[in-house]
PDB file of all heavy atoms in Angstrom:
ATOM      1  N   LEU A   1       0.818  -1.215   0.005  1.00  0.00           N
ATOM      2  CA  LEU A   1       0.012  -0.012   0.010  1.00  0.00           C
ATOM      3  C   LEU A   1       0.844   1.254  -0.034  1.00  0.00           C
ATOM      4  O   LEU A   1       0.539   2.237  -0.658  1.00  0.00           O
ATOM      5  CB  LEU A   1      -0.925  -0.005   1.234  1.00  0.00           C
ATOM      6  CG  LEU A   1      -1.795   1.244   1.403  1.00  0.00           C
ATOM      7  CD1 LEU A   1      -2.719   1.418   0.233  1.00  0.00           C
ATOM      8  CD2 LEU A   1      -2.564   1.129   2.720  1.00  0.00           C
ATOM      9  N   VAL A   2       1.936   1.220   0.707  1.00  0.00           N
ATOM     10  CA  VAL A   2       2.837   2.387   0.837  1.00  0.00           C
ATOM     11  C   VAL A   2       4.087   2.146   0.030  1.00  0.00           C
ATOM     12  O   VAL A   2       4.764   1.149   0.193  1.00  0.00           O
ATOM     13  CB  VAL A   2       3.218   2.715   2.332  1.00  0.00           C
ATOM     14  CG1 VAL A   2       4.150   3.845   2.445  1.00  0.00           C
ATOM     15  CG2 VAL A   2       1.892   2.933   3.130  1.00  0.00           C
ATOM     16  N   GLU A   3       4.465   3.139  -0.765  1.00  0.00           N
ATOM     17  CA  GLU A   3       5.668   3.124  -1.530  1.00  0.00           C
ATOM     18  C   GLU A   3       6.483   4.352  -1.243  1.00  0.00           C
ATOM     19  O   GLU A   3       5.926   5.467  -1.204  1.00  0.00           O
ATOM     20  CB  GLU A   3       5.350   3.039  -3.061  1.00  0.00           C
ATOM     21  CG  GLU A   3       6.478   2.608  -3.880  1.00  0.00           C
ATOM     22  CD  GLU A   3       5.984   2.257  -5.296  1.00  0.00           C
ATOM     23  OE1 GLU A   3       5.330   1.235  -5.463  1.00  0.00           O
ATOM     24  OE2 GLU A   3       6.302   3.060  -6.194  1.00  0.00           O
ATOM     25  N   LEU A   4       7.769   4.220  -1.050  1.00  0.00           N
ATOM     26  CA  LEU A   4       8.643   5.306  -0.628  1.00  0.00           C
ATOM     27  C   LEU A   4       9.766   5.532  -1.623  1.00  0.00           C
ATOM     28  O   LEU A   4      10.226   4.568  -2.223  1.00  0.00           O
ATOM     29  CB  LEU A   4       9.199   5.057   0.720  1.00  0.00           C
ATOM     30  CG  LEU A   4       8.163   4.631   1.836  1.00  0.00           C
ATOM     31  CD1 LEU A   4       8.885   3.946   2.997  1.00  0.00           C
ATOM     32  CD2 LEU A   4       7.410   5.804   2.231  1.00  0.00           C
ATOM     33  N   SER A   5      10.143   6.768  -1.734  1.00  0.00           N
ATOM     34  CA  SER A   5      11.300   7.118  -2.595  1.00  0.00           C
ATOM     35  C   SER A   5      12.413   7.691  -1.730  1.00  0.00           C
ATOM     36  O   SER A   5      12.168   8.576  -0.892  1.00  0.00           O
ATOM     37  CB  SER A   5      10.903   8.113  -3.648  1.00  0.00           C
ATOM     38  OG  SER A   5       9.910   7.609  -4.476  1.00  0.00           O
ATOM     39  N   PHE A   6      13.634   7.183  -1.900  1.00  0.00           N
ATOM     40  CA  PHE A   6      14.798   7.644  -1.134  1.00  0.00           C
ATOM     41  C   PHE A   6      15.850   8.108  -2.077  1.00  0.00           C
ATOM     42  O   PHE A   6      16.002   7.603  -3.171  1.00  0.00           O
ATOM     43  CB  PHE A   6      15.377   6.502  -0.277  1.00  0.00           C
ATOM     44  CG  PHE A   6      14.463   6.002   0.813  1.00  0.00           C
ATOM     45  CD1 PHE A   6      13.567   5.005   0.566  1.00  0.00           C
ATOM     46  CD2 PHE A   6      14.504   6.603   2.076  1.00  0.00           C
ATOM     47  CE1 PHE A   6      12.738   4.538   1.584  1.00  0.00           C
ATOM     48  CE2 PHE A   6      13.642   6.152   3.077  1.00  0.00           C
ATOM     49  CZ  PHE A   6      12.796   5.107   2.838  1.00  0.00           C
ATOM     50  N   GLU A   7      16.714   9.038  -1.578  1.00  0.00           N
ATOM     51  CA  GLU A   7      17.855   9.518  -2.298  1.00  0.00           C
ATOM     52  C   GLU A   7      19.048   9.469  -1.347  1.00  0.00           C
ATOM     53  O   GLU A   7      18.945   9.755  -0.190  1.00  0.00           O
ATOM     54  CB  GLU A   7      17.631  10.921  -2.797  1.00  0.00           C
ATOM     55  CG  GLU A   7      18.667  11.420  -3.701  1.00  0.00           C
ATOM     56  CD  GLU A   7      18.281  12.776  -4.359  1.00  0.00           C
ATOM     57  OE1 GLU A   7      17.528  13.501  -3.742  1.00  0.00           O
ATOM     58  OE2 GLU A   7      18.735  12.985  -5.479  1.00  0.00           O
ATOM     59  N   GLU A   8      20.213   9.083  -1.946  1.00  0.00           N
ATOM     60  CA  GLU A   8      21.459   9.003  -1.107  1.00  0.00           C
ATOM     61  C   GLU A   8      22.329  10.204  -1.336  1.00  0.00           C
ATOM     62  O   GLU A   8      22.585  10.605  -2.479  1.00  0.00           O
ATOM     63  CB  GLU A   8      22.206   7.727  -1.520  1.00  0.00           C
ATOM     64  CG  GLU A   8      23.459   7.544  -0.740  1.00  0.00           C
ATOM     65  CD  GLU A   8      24.280   6.292  -1.225  1.00  0.00           C
ATOM     66  OE1 GLU A   8      24.137   5.940  -2.415  1.00  0.00           O
ATOM     67  OE2 GLU A   8      25.107   5.799  -0.407  1.00  0.00           O
ATOM     68  N   HIS A   9      22.767  10.744  -0.286  1.00  0.00           N
ATOM     69  CA  HIS A   9      23.771  11.871  -0.286  1.00  0.00           C
ATOM     70  C   HIS A   9      24.833  11.533   0.727  1.00  0.00           C
ATOM     71  O   HIS A   9      24.590  11.397   1.909  1.00  0.00           O
ATOM     72  CB  HIS A   9      23.100  13.199   0.105  1.00  0.00           C
ATOM     73  CG  HIS A   9      22.211  13.760  -0.979  1.00  0.00           C
ATOM     74  ND1 HIS A   9      22.688  14.283  -2.186  1.00  0.00           N
ATOM     75  CD2 HIS A   9      20.876  13.850  -1.007  1.00  0.00           C
ATOM     76  CE1 HIS A   9      21.617  14.619  -2.876  1.00  0.00           C
ATOM     77  NE2 HIS A   9      20.515  14.425  -2.199  1.00  0.00           N
ATOM     78  N   ASP A  10      26.077  11.409   0.252  1.00  0.00           N
ATOM     79  CA  ASP A  10      27.220  11.153   1.110  1.00  0.00           C
ATOM     80  C   ASP A  10      27.027   9.935   1.979  1.00  0.00           C
ATOM     81  O   ASP A  10      27.283   9.966   3.222  1.00  0.00           O
ATOM     82  CB  ASP A  10      27.524  12.380   1.952  1.00  0.00           C
ATOM     83  CG  ASP A  10      27.946  13.584   1.106  1.00  0.00           C
ATOM     84  OD1 ASP A  10      28.568  13.343   0.043  1.00  0.00           O
ATOM     85  OD2 ASP A  10      27.625  14.719   1.507  1.00  0.00           O
ATOM     86  N   GLY A  11      26.393   8.886   1.443  1.00  0.00           N
ATOM     87  CA  GLY A  11      26.221   7.606   2.173  1.00  0.00           C
ATOM     88  C   GLY A  11      25.010   7.605   3.072  1.00  0.00           C
ATOM     89  O   GLY A  11      24.792   6.603   3.763  1.00  0.00           O
ATOM     90  N   VAL A  12      24.205   8.709   3.097  1.00  0.00           N
ATOM     91  CA  VAL A  12      23.052   8.746   3.924  1.00  0.00           C
ATOM     92  C   VAL A  12      21.774   8.788   3.021  1.00  0.00           C
ATOM     93  O   VAL A  12      21.703   9.576   2.121  1.00  0.00           O
ATOM     94  CB  VAL A  12      23.053  10.027   4.798  1.00  0.00           C
ATOM     95  CG1 VAL A  12      21.814  10.152   5.625  1.00  0.00           C
ATOM     96  CG2 VAL A  12      24.276  10.013   5.701  1.00  0.00           C
ATOM     97  N   TRP A  13      20.864   7.863   3.344  1.00  0.00           N
ATOM     98  CA  TRP A  13      19.622   7.811   2.564  1.00  0.00           C
ATOM     99  C   TRP A  13      18.527   8.575   3.302  1.00  0.00           C
ATOM    100  O   TRP A  13      18.394   8.483   4.544  1.00  0.00           O
ATOM    101  CB  TRP A  13      19.158   6.314   2.447  1.00  0.00           C
ATOM    102  CG  TRP A  13      20.030   5.494   1.569  1.00  0.00           C
ATOM    103  CD1 TRP A  13      21.114   4.781   1.932  1.00  0.00           C
ATOM    104  CD2 TRP A  13      19.876   5.330   0.141  1.00  0.00           C
ATOM    105  NE1 TRP A  13      21.686   4.122   0.849  1.00  0.00           N
ATOM    106  CE2 TRP A  13      20.933   4.456  -0.263  1.00  0.00           C
ATOM    107  CE3 TRP A  13      18.986   5.781  -0.833  1.00  0.00           C
ATOM    108  CZ2 TRP A  13      21.041   4.026  -1.605  1.00  0.00           C
ATOM    109  CZ3 TRP A  13      19.142   5.382  -2.091  1.00  0.00           C
ATOM    110  CH2 TRP A  13      20.187   4.535  -2.512  1.00  0.00           C
ATOM    111  N   SER A  14      17.759   9.361   2.568  1.00  0.00           N
ATOM    112  CA  SER A  14      16.571  10.054   3.169  1.00  0.00           C
ATOM    113  C   SER A  14      15.418  10.015   2.236  1.00  0.00           C
ATOM    114  O   SER A  14      15.578   9.968   0.971  1.00  0.00           O
ATOM    115  CB  SER A  14      16.938  11.483   3.529  1.00  0.00           C
ATOM    116  OG  SER A  14      17.130  12.224   2.397  1.00  0.00           O
ATOM    117  N   CYS A  15      14.254   9.924   2.815  1.00  0.00           N
ATOM    118  CA  CYS A  15      12.972   9.833   2.077  1.00  0.00           C
ATOM    119  C   CYS A  15      12.638  11.170   1.483  1.00  0.00           C
ATOM    120  O   CYS A  15      12.643  12.175   2.103  1.00  0.00           O
ATOM    121  CB  CYS A  15      11.822   9.385   3.007  1.00  0.00           C
ATOM    122  SG  CYS A  15      10.262   9.229   2.196  1.00  0.00           S
ATOM    123  N   PHE A  16      12.282  11.165   0.139  1.00  0.00           N
ATOM    124  CA  PHE A  16      11.873  12.342  -0.485  1.00  0.00           C
ATOM    125  C   PHE A  16      10.439  12.201  -1.111  1.00  0.00           C
ATOM    126  O   PHE A  16       9.952  13.133  -1.648  1.00  0.00           O
ATOM    127  CB  PHE A  16      12.866  12.866  -1.546  1.00  0.00           C
ATOM    128  CG  PHE A  16      12.955  12.014  -2.754  1.00  0.00           C
ATOM    129  CD1 PHE A  16      12.114  12.205  -3.836  1.00  0.00           C
ATOM    130  CD2 PHE A  16      13.965  11.009  -2.822  1.00  0.00           C
ATOM    131  CE1 PHE A  16      12.256  11.423  -5.027  1.00  0.00           C
ATOM    132  CE2 PHE A  16      14.067  10.251  -3.981  1.00  0.00           C
ATOM    133  CZ  PHE A  16      13.197  10.481  -5.068  1.00  0.00           C
ATOM    134  N   GLY A  17       9.858  11.023  -1.026  1.00  0.00           N
ATOM    135  CA  GLY A  17       8.498  10.861  -1.546  1.00  0.00           C
ATOM    136  C   GLY A  17       7.756   9.778  -0.834  1.00  0.00           C
ATOM    137  O   GLY A  17       8.324   8.670  -0.535  1.00  0.00           O
ATOM    138  N   ILE A  18       6.528  10.018  -0.564  1.00  0.00           N
ATOM    139  CA  ILE A  18       5.581   9.059   0.068  1.00  0.00           C
ATOM    140  C   ILE A  18       4.386   8.915  -0.867  1.00  0.00           C
ATOM    141  O   ILE A  18       3.779   9.873  -1.249  1.00  0.00           O
ATOM    142  CB  ILE A  18       5.128   9.547   1.452  1.00  0.00           C
ATOM    143  CG1 ILE A  18       6.250   9.844   2.419  1.00  0.00           C
ATOM    144  CG2 ILE A  18       4.089   8.517   2.007  1.00  0.00           C
ATOM    145  CD1 ILE A  18       5.859  10.560   3.655  1.00  0.00           C
ATOM    146  N   SER A  19       4.149   7.694  -1.253  1.00  0.00           N
ATOM    147  CA  SER A  19       3.029   7.433  -2.130  1.00  0.00           C
ATOM    148  C   SER A  19       2.156   6.292  -1.581  1.00  0.00           C
ATOM    149  O   SER A  19       2.693   5.191  -1.294  1.00  0.00           O
ATOM    150  CB  SER A  19       3.581   7.038  -3.513  1.00  0.00           C
ATOM    151  OG  SER A  19       2.549   6.778  -4.439  1.00  0.00           O
ATOM    152  N   VAL A  20       0.875   6.537  -1.390  1.00  0.00           N
ATOM    153  CA  VAL A  20      -0.003   5.567  -0.873  1.00  0.00           C
ATOM    154  C   VAL A  20      -0.822   5.071  -2.092  1.00  0.00           C
ATOM    155  O   VAL A  20      -1.633   5.792  -2.622  1.00  0.00           O
ATOM    156  CB  VAL A  20      -0.946   6.113   0.235  1.00  0.00           C
ATOM    157  CG1 VAL A  20      -1.883   5.041   0.708  1.00  0.00           C
ATOM    158  CG2 VAL A  20      -0.090   6.670   1.371  1.00  0.00           C
ATOM    159  N   GLN A  21      -0.517   3.861  -2.484  1.00  0.00           N
ATOM    160  CA  GLN A  21      -1.132   3.280  -3.738  1.00  0.00           C
ATOM    161  C   GLN A  21      -2.450   2.579  -3.413  1.00  0.00           C
ATOM    162  O   GLN A  21      -2.562   1.378  -3.427  1.00  0.00           O
ATOM    163  CB  GLN A  21      -0.059   2.330  -4.362  1.00  0.00           C
ATOM    164  CG  GLN A  21       1.216   2.915  -4.728  1.00  0.00           C
ATOM    165  CD  GLN A  21       1.028   3.908  -5.830  1.00  0.00           C
ATOM    166  OE1 GLN A  21       0.289   3.760  -6.781  1.00  0.00           O
ATOM    167  NE2 GLN A  21       1.884   4.959  -5.858  1.00  0.00           N
ATOM    168  N   VAL A  22      -3.497   3.389  -3.240  1.00  0.00           N
ATOM    169  CA  VAL A  22      -4.818   2.883  -2.900  1.00  0.00           C
ATOM    170  C   VAL A  22      -5.359   1.884  -3.919  1.00  0.00           C
ATOM    171  O   VAL A  22      -5.998   0.908  -3.488  1.00  0.00           O
ATOM    172  CB  VAL A  22      -5.802   4.027  -2.668  1.00  0.00           C
ATOM    173  CG1 VAL A  22      -7.147   3.547  -2.228  1.00  0.00           C
ATOM    174  CG2 VAL A  22      -5.240   5.093  -1.712  1.00  0.00           C
ATOM    175  N   HIS A  23      -5.052   2.137  -5.147  1.00  0.00           N
ATOM    176  CA  HIS A  23      -5.576   1.240  -6.184  1.00  0.00           C
ATOM    177  C   HIS A  23      -5.124  -0.189  -6.011  1.00  0.00           C
ATOM    178  O   HIS A  23      -5.846  -1.145  -6.486  1.00  0.00           O
ATOM    179  CB  HIS A  23      -5.185   1.745  -7.592  1.00  0.00           C
ATOM    180  CG  HIS A  23      -3.688   1.681  -7.879  1.00  0.00           C
ATOM    181  ND1 HIS A  23      -3.088   0.639  -8.494  1.00  0.00           N
ATOM    182  CD2 HIS A  23      -2.758   2.536  -7.482  1.00  0.00           C
ATOM    183  CE1 HIS A  23      -1.808   0.868  -8.526  1.00  0.00           C
ATOM    184  NE2 HIS A  23      -1.543   2.007  -7.942  1.00  0.00           N
ATOM    185  N   ARG A  24      -4.091  -0.493  -5.366  1.00  0.00           N
ATOM    186  CA  ARG A  24      -3.579  -1.842  -5.121  1.00  0.00           C
ATOM    187  C   ARG A  24      -4.526  -2.664  -4.248  1.00  0.00           C
ATOM    188  O   ARG A  24      -4.460  -3.862  -4.244  1.00  0.00           O
ATOM    189  CB  ARG A  24      -2.198  -1.805  -4.508  1.00  0.00           C
ATOM    190  CG  ARG A  24      -1.138  -1.302  -5.467  1.00  0.00           C
ATOM    191  CD  ARG A  24       0.208  -1.283  -4.827  1.00  0.00           C
ATOM    192  NE  ARG A  24       1.213  -0.817  -5.802  1.00  0.00           N
ATOM    193  CZ  ARG A  24       2.481  -0.633  -5.432  1.00  0.00           C
ATOM    194  NH1 ARG A  24       2.916  -0.823  -4.211  1.00  0.00           N
ATOM    195  NH2 ARG A  24       3.344  -0.211  -6.411  1.00  0.00           N
ATOM    196  N   LEU A  25      -5.379  -2.000  -3.495  1.00  0.00           N
ATOM    197  CA  LEU A  25      -6.293  -2.725  -2.576  1.00  0.00           C
ATOM    198  C   LEU A  25      -7.501  -3.344  -3.329  1.00  0.00           C
ATOM    199  O   LEU A  25      -8.139  -4.177  -2.762  1.00  0.00           O
ATOM    200  CB  LEU A  25      -6.812  -1.748  -1.513  1.00  0.00           C
ATOM    201  CG  LEU A  25      -5.765  -1.153  -0.562  1.00  0.00           C
ATOM    202  CD1 LEU A  25      -6.350  -0.157   0.356  1.00  0.00           C
ATOM    203  CD2 LEU A  25      -4.986  -2.246   0.169  1.00  0.00           C
ATOM    204  N   ARG A  26      -7.715  -2.957  -4.531  1.00  0.00           N
ATOM    205  CA  ARG A  26      -8.843  -3.554  -5.335  1.00  0.00           C
ATOM    206  C   ARG A  26      -8.667  -5.049  -5.501  1.00  0.00           C
ATOM    207  O   ARG A  26      -9.627  -5.742  -5.736  1.00  0.00           O
ATOM    208  CB  ARG A  26      -8.993  -2.837  -6.633  1.00  0.00           C
ATOM    209  CG  ARG A  26      -9.644  -1.501  -6.565  1.00  0.00           C
ATOM    210  CD  ARG A  26     -10.144  -1.039  -7.916  1.00  0.00           C
ATOM    211  NE  ARG A  26      -9.201  -1.172  -9.004  1.00  0.00           N
ATOM    212  CZ  ARG A  26      -8.374  -0.194  -9.383  1.00  0.00           C
ATOM    213  NH1 ARG A  26      -8.393   0.934  -8.788  1.00  0.00           N
ATOM    214  NH2 ARG A  26      -7.578  -0.417 -10.356  1.00  0.00           N
ATOM    215  N   THR A  27      -7.502  -5.543  -5.380  1.00  0.00           N
ATOM    216  CA  THR A  27      -7.282  -6.969  -5.597  1.00  0.00           C
ATOM    217  C   THR A  27      -7.795  -7.790  -4.433  1.00  0.00           C
ATOM    218  O   THR A  27      -8.025  -8.973  -4.563  1.00  0.00           O
ATOM    219  CB  THR A  27      -5.783  -7.323  -5.761  1.00  0.00           C
ATOM    220  OG1 THR A  27      -5.079  -6.983  -4.508  1.00  0.00           O
ATOM    221  CG2 THR A  27      -5.116  -6.569  -6.889  1.00  0.00           C
ATOM    222  N   GLY A  28      -8.076  -7.110  -3.286  1.00  0.00           N
ATOM    223  CA  GLY A  28      -8.544  -7.844  -2.131  1.00  0.00           C
ATOM    224  C   GLY A  28      -7.473  -8.532  -1.338  1.00  0.00           C
ATOM    225  O   GLY A  28      -7.711  -9.243  -0.433  1.00  0.00           O
ATOM    226  N   ASP A  29      -6.187  -8.331  -1.747  1.00  0.00           N
ATOM    227  CA  ASP A  29      -5.075  -8.991  -1.114  1.00  0.00           C
ATOM    228  C   ASP A  29      -4.722  -8.243   0.196  1.00  0.00           C
ATOM    229  O   ASP A  29      -4.131  -7.136   0.165  1.00  0.00           O
ATOM    230  CB  ASP A  29      -3.884  -8.974  -2.086  1.00  0.00           C
ATOM    231  CG  ASP A  29      -2.641  -9.696  -1.480  1.00  0.00           C
ATOM    232  OD1 ASP A  29      -2.653 -10.084  -0.317  1.00  0.00           O
ATOM    233  OD2 ASP A  29      -1.637  -9.813  -2.231  1.00  0.00           O
ATOM    234  N   ALA A  30      -5.054  -8.825   1.322  1.00  0.00           N
ATOM    235  CA  ALA A  30      -4.864  -8.190   2.604  1.00  0.00           C
ATOM    236  C   ALA A  30      -3.386  -7.953   2.890  1.00  0.00           C
ATOM    237  O   ALA A  30      -3.038  -7.063   3.704  1.00  0.00           O
ATOM    238  CB  ALA A  30      -5.470  -9.026   3.748  1.00  0.00           C
ATOM    239  N   SER A  31      -2.503  -8.666   2.261  1.00  0.00           N
ATOM    240  CA  SER A  31      -1.060  -8.519   2.547  1.00  0.00           C
ATOM    241  C   SER A  31      -0.557  -7.244   1.946  1.00  0.00           C
ATOM    242  O   SER A  31       0.579  -6.827   2.271  1.00  0.00           O
ATOM    243  CB  SER A  31      -0.250  -9.719   1.994  1.00  0.00           C
ATOM    244  OG  SER A  31      -0.240  -9.675   0.538  1.00  0.00           O
ATOM    245  N   MET A  32      -1.377  -6.514   1.178  1.00  0.00           N
ATOM    246  CA  MET A  32      -0.930  -5.162   0.664  1.00  0.00           C
ATOM    247  C   MET A  32      -0.800  -4.122   1.777  1.00  0.00           C
ATOM    248  O   MET A  32      -0.047  -3.161   1.658  1.00  0.00           O
ATOM    249  CB  MET A  32      -1.923  -4.631  -0.321  1.00  0.00           C
ATOM    250  CG  MET A  32      -1.907  -5.289  -1.697  1.00  0.00           C
ATOM    251  SD  MET A  32      -0.392  -4.761  -2.538  1.00  0.00           S
ATOM    252  CE  MET A  32       0.088  -6.269  -3.309  1.00  0.00           C
ATOM    253  N   VAL A  33      -1.477  -4.348   2.901  1.00  0.00           N
ATOM    254  CA  VAL A  33      -1.439  -3.402   4.019  1.00  0.00           C
ATOM    255  C   VAL A  33      -0.455  -3.915   5.072  1.00  0.00           C
ATOM    256  O   VAL A  33      -0.661  -5.006   5.617  1.00  0.00           O
ATOM    257  CB  VAL A  33      -2.899  -3.262   4.664  1.00  0.00           C
ATOM    258  CG1 VAL A  33      -2.779  -2.198   5.773  1.00  0.00           C
ATOM    259  CG2 VAL A  33      -3.891  -2.824   3.557  1.00  0.00           C
ATOM    260  N   PRO A  34       0.563  -3.113   5.341  1.00  0.00           N
ATOM    261  CA  PRO A  34       1.525  -3.536   6.354  1.00  0.00           C
ATOM    262  C   PRO A  34       0.848  -3.763   7.725  1.00  0.00           C
ATOM    263  O   PRO A  34      -0.045  -2.974   8.093  1.00  0.00           O
ATOM    264  CB  PRO A  34       2.522  -2.352   6.450  1.00  0.00           C
ATOM    265  CG  PRO A  34       2.393  -1.706   5.115  1.00  0.00           C
ATOM    266  CD  PRO A  34       0.920  -1.881   4.695  1.00  0.00           C
ATOM    267  N   PRO A  35       1.210  -4.818   8.476  1.00  0.00           N
ATOM    268  CA  PRO A  35       0.538  -5.125   9.738  1.00  0.00           C
ATOM    269  C   PRO A  35       0.491  -3.942  10.712  1.00  0.00           C
ATOM    270  O   PRO A  35      -0.564  -3.707  11.377  1.00  0.00           O
ATOM    271  CB  PRO A  35       1.345  -6.231  10.295  1.00  0.00           C
ATOM    272  CG  PRO A  35       1.858  -6.972   9.071  1.00  0.00           C
ATOM    273  CD  PRO A  35       2.131  -5.856   8.082  1.00  0.00           C
ATOM    274  N   PRO A  36       1.558  -3.041  10.811  1.00  0.00           N
ATOM    275  CA  PRO A  36       1.424  -1.941  11.728  1.00  0.00           C
ATOM    276  C   PRO A  36       0.271  -0.991  11.380  1.00  0.00           C
ATOM    277  O   PRO A  36      -0.379  -0.416  12.234  1.00  0.00           O
ATOM    278  CB  PRO A  36       2.762  -1.250  11.674  1.00  0.00           C
ATOM    279  CG  PRO A  36       3.712  -2.368  11.260  1.00  0.00           C
ATOM    280  CD  PRO A  36       2.928  -3.192  10.316  1.00  0.00           C
ATOM    281  N   LEU A  37      -0.050  -0.841  10.071  1.00  0.00           N
ATOM    282  CA  LEU A  37      -1.171   0.004   9.629  1.00  0.00           C
ATOM    283  C   LEU A  37      -2.528  -0.685  10.030  1.00  0.00           C
ATOM    284  O   LEU A  37      -3.451  -0.002  10.448  1.00  0.00           O
ATOM    285  CB  LEU A  37      -1.100   0.279   8.177  1.00  0.00           C
ATOM    286  CG  LEU A  37      -0.076   1.252   7.686  1.00  0.00           C
ATOM    287  CD1 LEU A  37      -0.123   1.431   6.178  1.00  0.00           C
ATOM    288  CD2 LEU A  37      -0.213   2.584   8.390  1.00  0.00           C
TER     289      LEU A  37
END
C-alpha cells in the first residue's frame, strides 16, 4: 500500500517521496497493508 522514494547523499539515505497506492487494494489482497497499519 505504501511506496517510498529515497535519495542517497554522502552515504546517507533520506525519504523524499511518500506514495499511498490505494488502487492496489482492489485486488482484495490483505497482505498489501503492512501489519502496523
